[in-house]
Protein backbone atom coordinates (compact mmCIF):
# COMPACT_ATOMS: atom_id res chain seq x y z
CA MET A 1 -0.10 0.24 -0.36
CA PRO A 2 1.36 3.43 -0.63
CA PRO A 3 1.97 5.96 1.84
CA PRO A 4 -0.03 8.03 2.87
CA ASP A 5 -0.25 10.98 1.03
CA HIS A 6 -1.75 15.35 1.16
CA VAL A 7 -5.09 13.86 1.07
CA ASP A 8 -4.99 11.46 4.23
CA HIS A 9 -3.61 14.23 5.84
CA ILE A 10 -6.88 16.86 5.09
CA ILE A 11 -8.64 13.46 6.54
CA GLU A 12 -7.49 13.54 9.12
CA GLN A 13 -7.62 16.66 10.28
CA TRP A 14 -11.06 16.71 9.32
CA ALA A 15 -11.85 13.86 11.85
CA ARG A 16 -9.66 15.88 14.31
CA GLU A 17 -11.80 18.97 14.23
CA ARG A 18 -15.22 17.65 12.84
CA PRO A 19 -16.16 13.58 13.41
CA ASP A 20 -19.14 14.28 13.57
CA VAL A 21 -19.00 15.06 9.60
CA ASP A 22 -18.27 12.20 7.21
CA VAL A 23 -15.48 13.62 4.98
CA SER A 24 -14.61 10.46 3.60
CA ALA A 25 -16.11 11.29 0.39
CA ILE A 26 -12.79 13.71 -0.14
CA ALA A 27 -10.78 10.63 -0.58
CA VAL A 28 -11.55 10.19 -3.93
CA ILE A 29 -12.88 13.16 -4.76
CA GLY A 30 -9.97 15.62 -3.61
CA ARG A 31 -7.37 13.25 -4.87
CA ILE A 32 -9.28 13.22 -8.55
CA SER A 33 -9.25 17.26 -8.29
CA ARG A 34 -5.77 17.15 -6.96
CA ILE A 35 -5.02 14.36 -10.24
CA GLU A 36 -6.11 16.60 -13.08
CA GLN A 37 -4.59 19.70 -11.17
CA ARG A 38 -1.41 17.75 -11.31
CA LEU A 39 -2.14 15.96 -14.96
CA GLN A 40 -2.76 19.25 -16.80
CA PRO A 41 0.54 20.38 -16.92
CA LEU A 42 1.89 18.08 -17.76
CA LEU A 43 -0.16 17.08 -20.80
CA SER A 44 -0.22 21.09 -21.69
CA ARG A 45 3.50 20.41 -22.59
CA VAL A 46 3.17 18.24 -25.28
CA PHE A 47 0.89 19.95 -26.49
CA ALA A 48 2.75 23.13 -26.14
CA ARG A 49 5.53 21.22 -28.28
CA HIS A 50 3.00 21.10 -31.31
CA GLY A 51 1.86 24.56 -31.35
CA LEU A 52 -1.06 23.59 -29.37
CA ALA A 53 -3.28 24.55 -25.78
CA TRP A 54 -5.00 21.79 -24.44
CA TRP A 55 -8.08 22.99 -25.80
CA GLU A 56 -6.86 23.67 -29.25
CA TYR A 57 -5.74 19.56 -29.36
CA ASP A 58 -9.12 18.33 -28.23
CA VAL A 59 -11.58 20.83 -31.29
CA LEU A 60 -8.53 19.20 -33.43
CA ALA A 61 -8.92 15.96 -32.19
CA ALA A 62 -12.37 15.91 -32.55
CA LEU A 63 -12.41 16.22 -36.13
CA ARG A 64 -9.66 13.96 -36.49
CA ARG A 65 -11.65 11.13 -34.57
CA THR A 66 -14.87 11.65 -37.33
CA GLY A 67 -12.48 9.92 -40.01
CA PRO A 68 -12.32 11.63 -43.55
CA PRO A 69 -13.49 14.26 -44.43
CA PHE A 70 -12.80 14.99 -41.14
CA GLU A 71 -16.19 17.51 -40.74
CA LEU A 72 -18.48 18.38 -37.70
CA THR A 73 -20.91 21.09 -37.64
CA ALA A 74 -20.85 23.54 -34.06
CA GLY A 75 -23.71 22.05 -32.94
CA GLN A 76 -21.68 18.77 -33.18
CA LEU A 77 -18.34 20.51 -31.60
CA TRP A 78 -20.60 21.52 -28.29
CA SER A 79 -21.50 17.86 -27.65
CA SER A 80 -18.61 15.96 -27.87
CA LEU A 81 -16.03 18.98 -26.55
CA MET A 82 -19.34 20.04 -24.10
CA LEU A 83 -18.97 23.15 -24.67
CA THR A 84 -21.53 26.47 -25.79
CA SER A 85 -21.56 27.53 -28.63
CA GLY A 86 -19.99 31.21 -27.93
CA ALA A 87 -17.07 28.43 -26.70
CA ILE A 88 -17.00 26.72 -29.92
CA THR A 89 -17.31 29.87 -32.78
CA ASN A 90 -14.04 31.03 -30.60
CA ARG A 91 -12.37 28.33 -31.26
CA LEU A 92 -13.15 27.45 -34.63
CA ASP A 93 -12.29 31.32 -34.75
CA ARG A 94 -8.53 31.36 -33.53
CA LEU A 95 -8.23 27.66 -35.01
CA GLU A 96 -9.14 29.24 -38.68
CA GLY A 97 -6.75 31.75 -38.17
CA ARG A 98 -3.79 30.13 -38.00
CA GLY A 99 -4.83 27.98 -40.93
CA LEU A 100 -5.88 24.36 -38.94
CA VAL A 101 -9.24 24.19 -39.54
CA GLU A 102 -11.62 25.67 -42.42
CA ARG A 103 -15.27 26.98 -42.76
CA LEU A 104 -17.44 26.26 -45.10
CA ARG A 105 -21.37 25.87 -45.69
CA ASP A 106 -23.23 22.46 -45.49
CA PRO A 107 -24.20 21.02 -48.87
CA GLU A 108 -27.17 19.54 -47.09
CA ASP A 109 -28.46 22.01 -45.24
CA ALA A 110 -26.90 25.86 -46.42
CA ARG A 111 -28.02 27.60 -42.69
CA ARG A 112 -25.34 24.79 -41.09
CA VAL A 113 -22.27 25.30 -40.86
CA LEU A 114 -19.22 22.70 -41.04
CA ALA A 115 -16.27 22.91 -39.44
CA ARG A 116 -13.57 21.04 -41.24
CA LEU A 117 -9.42 20.08 -40.56
CA THR A 118 -7.30 21.48 -43.19
CA ASP A 119 -4.27 19.27 -44.19
CA ALA A 120 -1.73 21.35 -41.96
CA GLY A 121 -4.41 20.89 -39.04
CA ARG A 122 -3.87 17.58 -40.16
CA ALA A 123 -0.99 17.33 -40.39
CA THR A 124 -0.54 18.67 -36.41
CA ILE A 125 -2.92 16.20 -34.74
CA ASP A 126 -1.51 13.35 -36.27
CA ASP A 127 1.86 14.26 -35.01
CA ALA A 128 0.54 15.10 -30.94
CA LEU A 129 -1.72 12.15 -30.81
CA VAL A 130 1.70 9.52 -31.12
CA ASP A 131 3.38 12.36 -28.18
CA HIS A 132 0.24 12.80 -26.27
CA ALA A 133 -0.34 9.16 -26.31
CA ALA A 134 2.84 7.91 -25.02
CA ASN A 135 2.94 10.83 -22.39
CA GLU A 136 0.07 9.63 -21.39
CA THR A 137 1.35 5.95 -21.64
CA HIS A 138 3.96 7.83 -18.82
CA LEU A 139 2.49 9.05 -16.69
CA LEU A 140 -0.24 6.05 -16.19
CA ALA A 141 3.37 3.85 -15.55
CA SER A 142 2.78 3.24 -12.24
CA LEU A 143 -0.09 1.11 -12.80
CA SER A 144 -0.79 -2.45 -13.79
CA ASP A 145 -2.51 -3.56 -16.54
CA ARG A 146 -5.04 -4.84 -13.67
CA ASP A 147 -4.63 -1.64 -11.53
CA ARG A 148 -5.84 0.26 -14.83
CA ALA A 149 -8.44 -2.30 -16.15
CA THR A 150 -10.03 -1.37 -12.59
CA LEU A 151 -9.51 1.93 -13.02
CA VAL A 152 -11.26 2.01 -15.80
CA ARG A 153 -14.05 0.37 -14.75
CA LEU A 154 -14.61 2.18 -11.32
CA LEU A 155 -13.68 5.62 -13.10
CA ARG A 156 -16.79 4.86 -15.69
CA LYS A 157 -18.92 3.71 -12.88
CA LEU A 158 -18.99 6.63 -10.70
CA HIS A 159 -18.87 9.16 -14.48
CA GLN A 160 -22.44 6.83 -14.85
CA GLY A 161 -23.42 7.82 -11.61
CA LEU A 162 -22.83 11.84 -11.80
CA ASP A 163 -24.90 11.41 -14.63
CA GLU A 164 -27.96 10.34 -12.38
CA VAL A 165 -27.05 12.77 -9.65
CA ASP A 166 -29.16 15.71 -9.42
CA ASP A 167 -28.05 19.39 -10.14
CA GLY A 168 -30.32 20.67 -8.03
């Protein structure tokens, strides 16, 4: 078993100061939050080597994953990335300005605009993906294959459970 960490220390402090409150969920939520804070710069550093911010990688990856012709409507991007329409517009403006995506009218519905990867965008995301996947594998090196499978199963279960939580 790994040695105690900062989250264990927080739980001990609350147990001492407020033994009447069950703070056991901090063992999970606190670690997820700390892991995310620790991972973000480690992931962003790889994106930066490809001249990308994390959000640029996300948009380009969403387009690349669709397969040829590597295009989505703003609504499909919004759904895929869980962003507001204004955020999608802003991100597409910036990526278009860099020549990584282009916008064109949907031939099936002229009211809709499609965002499509340019050749430069495709080359950028293809190169970045290789380094990003290797980086993520490296970041999980402390976990065995069995640990990873268990973690995936539990995180999926938690994620799906959050969909059932009342936001009110």
